[in-house]
Protein backbone atom coordinates (compact mmCIF):
# COMPACT_ATOMS: atom_id res chain seq x y z
CA MET A 1 110.46 61.99 79.52
CA ARG A 2 108.61 64.65 81.47
CA HIS A 3 111.53 64.94 83.90
CA ALA A 4 113.93 65.39 81.02
CA SER A 5 111.78 68.08 79.41
CA VAL A 6 111.55 70.05 82.65
CA ALA A 7 115.30 69.74 83.17
CA ALA A 8 115.89 71.05 79.66
CA LEU A 9 113.63 73.99 80.29
CA ILE A 10 115.41 74.82 83.57
CA THR A 11 118.74 74.71 81.69
CA ALA A 12 117.39 77.13 79.11
CA VAL A 13 116.18 79.37 81.91
CA ALA A 14 119.63 79.45 83.47
CA VAL A 15 121.19 80.51 80.19
CA VAL A 16 118.69 83.33 79.74
CA LEU A 17 119.03 84.54 83.32
CA LEU A 18 122.81 84.53 83.17
CA ALA A 19 122.61 86.63 80.02
CA ALA A 20 120.32 89.17 81.67
CA PRO A 21 121.77 92.18 83.48
CA ALA A 22 122.07 92.21 87.25
CA ALA A 23 119.44 94.05 89.24
CA ALA A 24 119.88 97.78 89.00
CA GLN A 25 121.18 99.48 92.13
CA ALA A 26 121.27 103.13 91.08
CA PRO A 27 118.34 105.07 92.52
CA ASP A 28 115.97 106.97 90.25
CA SER A 29 114.56 110.09 91.91
CA GLY A 30 115.31 108.51 95.26
CA GLY A 31 113.60 105.17 94.48
CA TRP A 32 114.51 101.71 93.24
CA THR A 33 114.54 101.10 89.48
CA PRO A 34 114.28 97.69 87.82
CA ALA A 35 117.02 96.23 85.67
CA ARG A 36 116.46 96.19 81.91
CA THR A 37 116.79 93.45 79.39
CA PRO A 38 119.26 94.02 76.54
CA TRP A 39 116.30 95.17 74.41
CA GLY A 40 115.12 97.68 77.02
CA HIS A 41 112.13 96.05 78.73
CA PRO A 42 111.93 95.83 82.53
CA ASP A 43 113.54 92.54 83.57
CA LEU A 44 110.88 90.30 85.16
CA GLN A 45 112.83 87.09 84.74
CA GLY A 46 113.26 84.65 87.57
CA ILE A 47 111.34 82.20 89.75
CA TRP A 48 108.66 83.92 91.83
CA ASP A 49 106.92 82.58 94.92
CA GLN A 50 103.21 83.39 95.22
CA THR A 51 102.59 81.55 98.49
CA THR A 52 100.33 83.41 100.91
CA GLY A 53 98.10 82.64 103.86
CA THR A 54 95.85 85.58 103.06
CA PRO A 55 92.37 84.39 102.00
CA LEU A 56 90.92 85.36 98.68
CA GLU A 57 87.89 86.94 100.35
CA ARG A 58 87.72 89.02 103.54
CA ALA A 59 86.26 87.23 106.54
CA GLU A 60 83.09 88.69 107.99
CA GLU A 61 84.74 89.25 111.36
CA ALA A 62 87.29 91.55 109.71
CA ASP A 63 84.50 94.06 109.01
CA ASP A 64 85.89 96.75 106.68
CA ARG A 65 89.52 96.43 107.78
CA GLU A 66 91.98 96.10 104.92
CA PHE A 67 94.93 95.00 107.08
CA LEU A 68 95.55 93.01 110.24
CA THR A 69 98.14 93.81 112.87
CA GLU A 70 101.35 91.77 112.75
CA GLU A 71 100.15 89.82 115.79
CA GLU A 72 96.79 89.06 114.21
CA ALA A 73 98.45 87.93 110.98
CA ALA A 74 100.80 85.62 112.89
CA GLU A 75 97.84 84.08 114.72
CA ARG A 76 96.00 83.56 111.43
CA GLU A 77 99.05 81.77 110.04
CA ARG A 78 99.29 79.60 113.17
CA ARG A 79 95.63 78.57 112.86
CA ARG A 80 96.07 77.88 109.16
CA PHE A 81 98.88 75.39 109.78
CA ALA A 82 97.10 73.83 112.75
CA ALA A 83 94.13 73.07 110.48
CA PHE A 84 96.36 71.09 108.11
CA ASP A 85 97.18 68.64 110.92
CA ALA A 86 93.63 68.34 112.28
CA ALA A 87 91.96 64.93 112.15
CA PRO A 88 89.99 64.49 108.90
CA ARG A 89 86.21 64.51 109.06
CA GLN A 90 84.46 61.17 109.06
CA GLY A 91 84.61 59.48 105.68
CA SER A 92 87.46 61.66 104.41
CA PRO A 93 90.87 60.14 103.65
CA GLY A 94 92.51 63.37 104.76
CA ASN A 95 94.99 65.56 102.89
CA TYR A 96 98.55 66.84 103.11
CA GLY A 97 99.76 67.70 106.61
CA SER A 98 101.62 70.88 107.48
CA GLN A 99 105.02 69.36 106.63
CA TRP A 100 103.97 69.41 102.95
CA ARG A 101 102.74 73.01 102.98
CA ASP A 102 104.62 76.23 102.28
CA GLY A 103 104.65 79.07 104.80
CA SER A 104 103.39 82.49 103.80
CA ARG A 105 105.87 84.93 102.30
CA ASN A 106 103.51 87.44 100.74
CA ALA A 107 100.55 89.68 101.61
CA LEU A 108 100.94 88.67 105.24
CA THR A 109 98.74 91.31 106.87
CA ARG A 110 96.05 91.82 104.24
CA THR A 111 92.57 90.66 105.21
CA SER A 112 91.88 89.58 101.61
CA LEU A 113 93.61 89.29 98.27
CA ILE A 114 90.61 91.02 96.69
CA ILE A 115 91.07 94.80 96.71
CA ASP A 116 88.09 95.68 94.52
CA PRO A 117 85.22 95.68 95.45
CA PRO A 118 86.42 97.55 98.53
CA ASP A 119 84.64 95.09 100.83
CA GLY A 120 87.17 92.42 99.79
CA ARG A 121 84.46 90.02 98.63
CA ILE A 122 83.69 88.40 95.28
CA PRO A 123 80.80 90.37 93.74
CA PRO A 124 77.36 88.74 93.45
CA ARG A 125 76.81 86.27 90.64
CA THR A 126 74.31 86.90 87.91
CA PRO A 127 71.04 84.92 87.90
CA ALA A 128 72.37 82.85 84.99
CA ALA A 129 75.53 82.05 86.95
CA GLU A 130 73.52 81.02 89.99
CA ARG A 131 71.44 78.63 87.87
CA ARG A 132 74.61 77.18 86.36
CA SER A 133 76.14 76.73 89.82
CA VAL A 134 73.06 74.86 91.10
CA GLU A 135 73.10 72.61 88.03
CA ASN A 136 76.82 71.87 88.47
CA GLN A 137 76.40 71.05 92.15
CA ALA A 138 73.50 68.71 91.39
CA ARG A 139 75.55 66.97 88.72
CA ARG A 140 78.53 66.49 91.05
CA ARG A 141 76.25 65.21 93.82
CA ASP A 142 74.36 62.71 91.66
CA HIS A 143 77.28 61.62 89.45
CA PRO A 144 80.50 62.08 91.46
CA ALA A 145 82.48 59.41 89.63
CA ASP A 146 80.49 57.49 87.04
CA SER A 147 83.69 57.80 84.98
CA TRP A 148 86.91 59.78 85.02
CA GLU A 149 85.16 62.54 83.07
CA ASP A 150 83.05 63.36 86.14
CA ARG A 151 86.16 64.43 88.05
CA ASN A 152 87.53 67.94 87.66
CA LEU A 153 90.35 68.82 85.28
CA TRP A 154 92.86 69.48 88.05
CA GLU A 155 92.21 66.12 89.68
CA ARG A 156 92.67 64.49 86.29
CA CYS A 157 96.07 66.22 85.93
CA ILE A 158 94.99 68.01 82.75
CA THR A 159 95.18 71.64 83.87
CA ARG A 160 95.14 73.77 87.02
CA GLY A 161 93.52 76.52 85.01
CA THR A 162 93.76 80.27 84.53
CA PRO A 163 92.99 82.44 86.40
CA ARG A 164 94.44 80.90 89.51
CA VAL A 165 94.99 81.92 93.11
CA PRO A 166 97.93 80.62 95.16
CA ASN A 167 97.76 77.19 96.71
CA ASN A 168 99.55 75.96 99.82
CA TYR A 169 102.22 74.25 97.72
CA ASN A 170 103.66 74.45 94.18
CA SER A 171 102.93 78.19 94.03
CA ASN A 172 106.05 79.21 92.10
CA ILE A 173 105.99 80.80 88.67
CA LEU A 174 108.94 81.00 86.26
CA ILE A 175 109.11 84.04 83.97
CA LEU A 176 111.23 84.20 80.82
CA GLN A 177 111.42 87.06 78.31
CA THR A 178 112.34 87.66 74.68
CA PRO A 179 111.79 90.89 72.72
CA ASP A 180 108.50 89.55 71.31
CA ALA A 181 107.15 87.29 74.06
CA VAL A 182 106.98 86.53 77.77
CA VAL A 183 106.78 82.93 78.96
CA LEU A 184 104.93 82.12 82.21
CA LEU A 185 105.56 78.60 83.58
CA ASN A 186 103.50 77.65 86.61
CA GLU A 187 104.96 75.03 88.93
CA MET A 188 101.47 73.57 89.54
CA ILE A 189 101.03 71.00 86.73
CA ASN A 190 103.98 72.67 84.91
CA GLU A 191 101.67 74.62 82.61
CA THR A 192 103.16 77.18 80.26
CA ARG A 193 101.59 80.27 78.73
CA VAL A 194 103.34 82.16 75.94
CA VAL A 195 102.31 85.83 75.94
CA SER A 196 102.84 87.47 72.54
CA LEU A 197 104.06 91.09 72.61
CA ASP A 198 104.25 91.66 68.86
CA GLY A 199 100.76 93.16 68.42
CA ARG A 200 99.14 90.15 66.78
CA PRO A 201 95.35 89.93 67.30
CA HIS A 202 93.67 87.38 69.52
CA LEU A 203 92.64 84.06 68.02
CA GLY A 204 89.22 83.83 66.41
CA PRO A 205 86.24 83.11 68.70
CA GLY A 206 86.00 79.52 67.51
CA ILE A 207 89.44 78.59 68.90
CA ARG A 208 89.37 77.87 72.64
CA LEU A 209 92.29 76.94 74.90
CA TRP A 210 92.48 75.56 78.45
CA ASN A 211 94.35 78.64 79.68
CA GLY A 212 93.07 81.09 77.11
CA ASP A 213 94.85 83.14 74.45
CA SER A 214 97.19 85.76 75.94
CA ARG A 215 98.43 89.02 74.42
CA GLY A 216 100.65 91.50 76.24
CA HIS A 217 102.01 95.02 76.08
CA TRP A 218 103.98 97.39 78.28
CA GLU A 219 102.50 100.34 80.15
CA GLY A 220 105.58 102.05 81.51
CA ASP A 221 107.36 99.45 83.65
CA THR A 222 104.26 97.26 83.99
CA LEU A 223 103.60 94.21 81.82
CA VAL A 224 99.88 94.07 81.01
CA VAL A 225 98.50 90.71 79.82
CA GLN A 226 94.99 90.32 78.39
CA THR A 227 93.64 86.78 78.06
CA THR A 228 90.47 85.62 76.32
CA ASN A 229 89.28 82.52 74.39
CA PHE A 230 89.06 80.21 77.41
CA SER A 231 87.61 76.74 76.92
CA ALA A 232 84.01 76.30 78.07
CA ARG A 233 85.17 73.15 79.86
CA GLN A 234 87.50 75.20 82.05
CA GLN A 235 86.11 76.54 85.34
CA PHE A 236 87.13 78.99 88.06
CA ARG A 237 85.43 78.68 91.44
CA GLY A 238 82.78 76.41 89.98
CA LEU A 239 81.81 78.62 87.03
CA PRO A 240 82.80 78.38 83.33
CA VAL A 241 85.25 80.99 82.06
CA ASP A 242 84.54 80.91 78.33
CA GLY A 243 83.23 84.50 78.52
CA LEU A 244 86.00 85.79 80.79
CA ARG A 245 88.31 88.66 79.91
CA LEU A 246 91.30 88.47 82.26
CA VAL A 247 93.73 91.37 82.66
CA GLU A 248 96.96 90.72 84.58
CA ARG A 249 99.62 93.26 85.59
CA PHE A 250 103.20 92.44 86.58
CA THR A 251 105.27 95.26 88.16
CA ARG A 252 108.73 94.98 89.75
CA THR A 253 108.76 96.89 93.06
CA GLY A 254 112.14 95.93 94.54
CA PRO A 255 115.23 93.74 94.05
CA ASP A 256 113.26 90.58 94.96
CA GLN A 257 109.67 91.83 94.91
CA MET A 258 106.97 92.02 92.25
CA ASP A 259 103.32 93.03 92.46
CA TYR A 260 100.87 90.79 90.60
CA GLU A 261 97.34 92.03 89.95
CA MET A 262 94.49 90.41 88.05
CA THR A 263 91.09 91.80 87.11
CA LEU A 264 88.26 89.48 86.08
CA ASP A 265 85.61 90.82 83.72
CA ASP A 266 82.79 88.38 82.92
CA PRO A 267 79.36 90.07 82.68
CA ALA A 268 77.65 86.71 82.15
CA MET A 269 78.87 85.37 85.49
CA TYR A 270 79.43 88.37 87.80
CA THR A 271 77.54 91.61 88.36
CA ARG A 272 80.75 93.64 88.19
CA THR A 273 84.48 93.29 87.64
CA TRP A 274 86.73 92.35 90.54
CA THR A 275 90.44 92.67 91.21
CA VAL A 276 92.98 90.61 93.16
CA VAL A 277 96.45 91.80 94.14
CA LEU A 278 99.32 89.65 95.35
CA PRO A 279 102.97 90.53 96.02
CA MET A 280 105.44 87.90 94.79
CA THR A 281 108.92 87.18 96.17
CA GLU A 282 111.82 86.00 94.03
CA THR A 283 113.15 82.64 95.11
CA GLY A 284 116.21 80.65 94.21
CA GLY A 285 114.21 77.73 92.88
CA PRO A 286 114.45 75.46 91.05
CA ILE A 287 111.04 74.42 89.80
CA PHE A 288 110.64 70.66 89.95
CA GLU A 289 108.52 68.30 87.92
CA TYR A 290 104.86 68.23 89.01
CA ALA A 291 104.18 64.49 89.17
CA CYS A 292 100.43 64.84 89.91
CA HIS A 293 99.22 61.22 90.35
CA GLU A 294 102.43 59.27 90.81
CA GLY A 295 102.30 56.20 88.62
CA ASN A 296 98.90 57.45 87.41
CA TYR A 297 97.11 55.20 89.91
CA GLY A 298 95.19 57.99 91.62
CA MET A 299 92.23 58.00 89.25
CA GLU A 300 91.95 54.20 89.38
CA GLY A 301 91.72 54.42 93.15
CA ILE A 302 89.09 57.20 93.04
CA LEU A 303 86.84 55.28 90.66
CA ALA A 304 87.34 51.98 92.51
CA GLY A 305 86.37 53.68 95.76
CA HIS A 306 83.10 54.94 94.30
CA ARG A 307 82.31 51.52 92.86
CA ALA A 308 82.81 50.10 96.36
CA GLU A 309 80.43 52.71 97.81
CA GLU A 310 77.80 51.77 95.20
CA ARG A 311 78.10 48.07 96.07
CA ALA A 312 77.72 48.87 99.77
CA LEU A 313 74.40 50.65 99.09
CA ARG A 314 72.82 47.74 97.22
């Protein structure tokens, strides 16, 4: 059933994309201009690859450098893939090897995806956020798998969450447009967000969604998406996002290039706002079904493993 639904969506995508105009070639004041939809909006439609080997935060050894040399970036990518094939630490079952990972196509020489603060680092957490983080860590340490509800939402195949940063696989995003909405389908867990463009207000504060409530508008050729109303059960980097205001910007910069930027504003969790930028590259696709736990036996194995550990300690 899930496979059929994804196939139907891909078919609908093909119809929409075939109806859209081809990429504009005529220069505007000496530069590239994006194609337009029949109703006049910049055409963002397609399947976009967000894969990157650039870390979210700048490494300490990079000092205040914003970019690496091409040689340094290539060495970083080599080390990244070598780590995938390294022997797992004792007690770990290991993870996907390099053959399952995607190579970097975007932001190759940046030292971090974070561009603000200028040091390329996540800003300090608030005291309340630090307390919450300590409590969460203690809970995970003392109750790693009493039941399936102790495992995170991604592991349980419920949601990957928003905001998100690129992974090493399944980092494609499908964008569709109508005059009144933009649809964002993430390959990871095949989650879909519908961004309303018709000026309707956000949902009331009592209504909370896994990936928030998104509203969009155009600022010139840039699609600006503001998302609020996240579920308190959703987390990003170990902290709840129910107070987060997320602002995303999508801007076409070339025939197969788009800049994606997101700014996180959560005064309860962070001492200031912070911004991530990531170029995206259009790819031929398609987007496949995200099977998550094939046969749904993954969670049974996780819980059975922890029961075995408990018996061994008696």
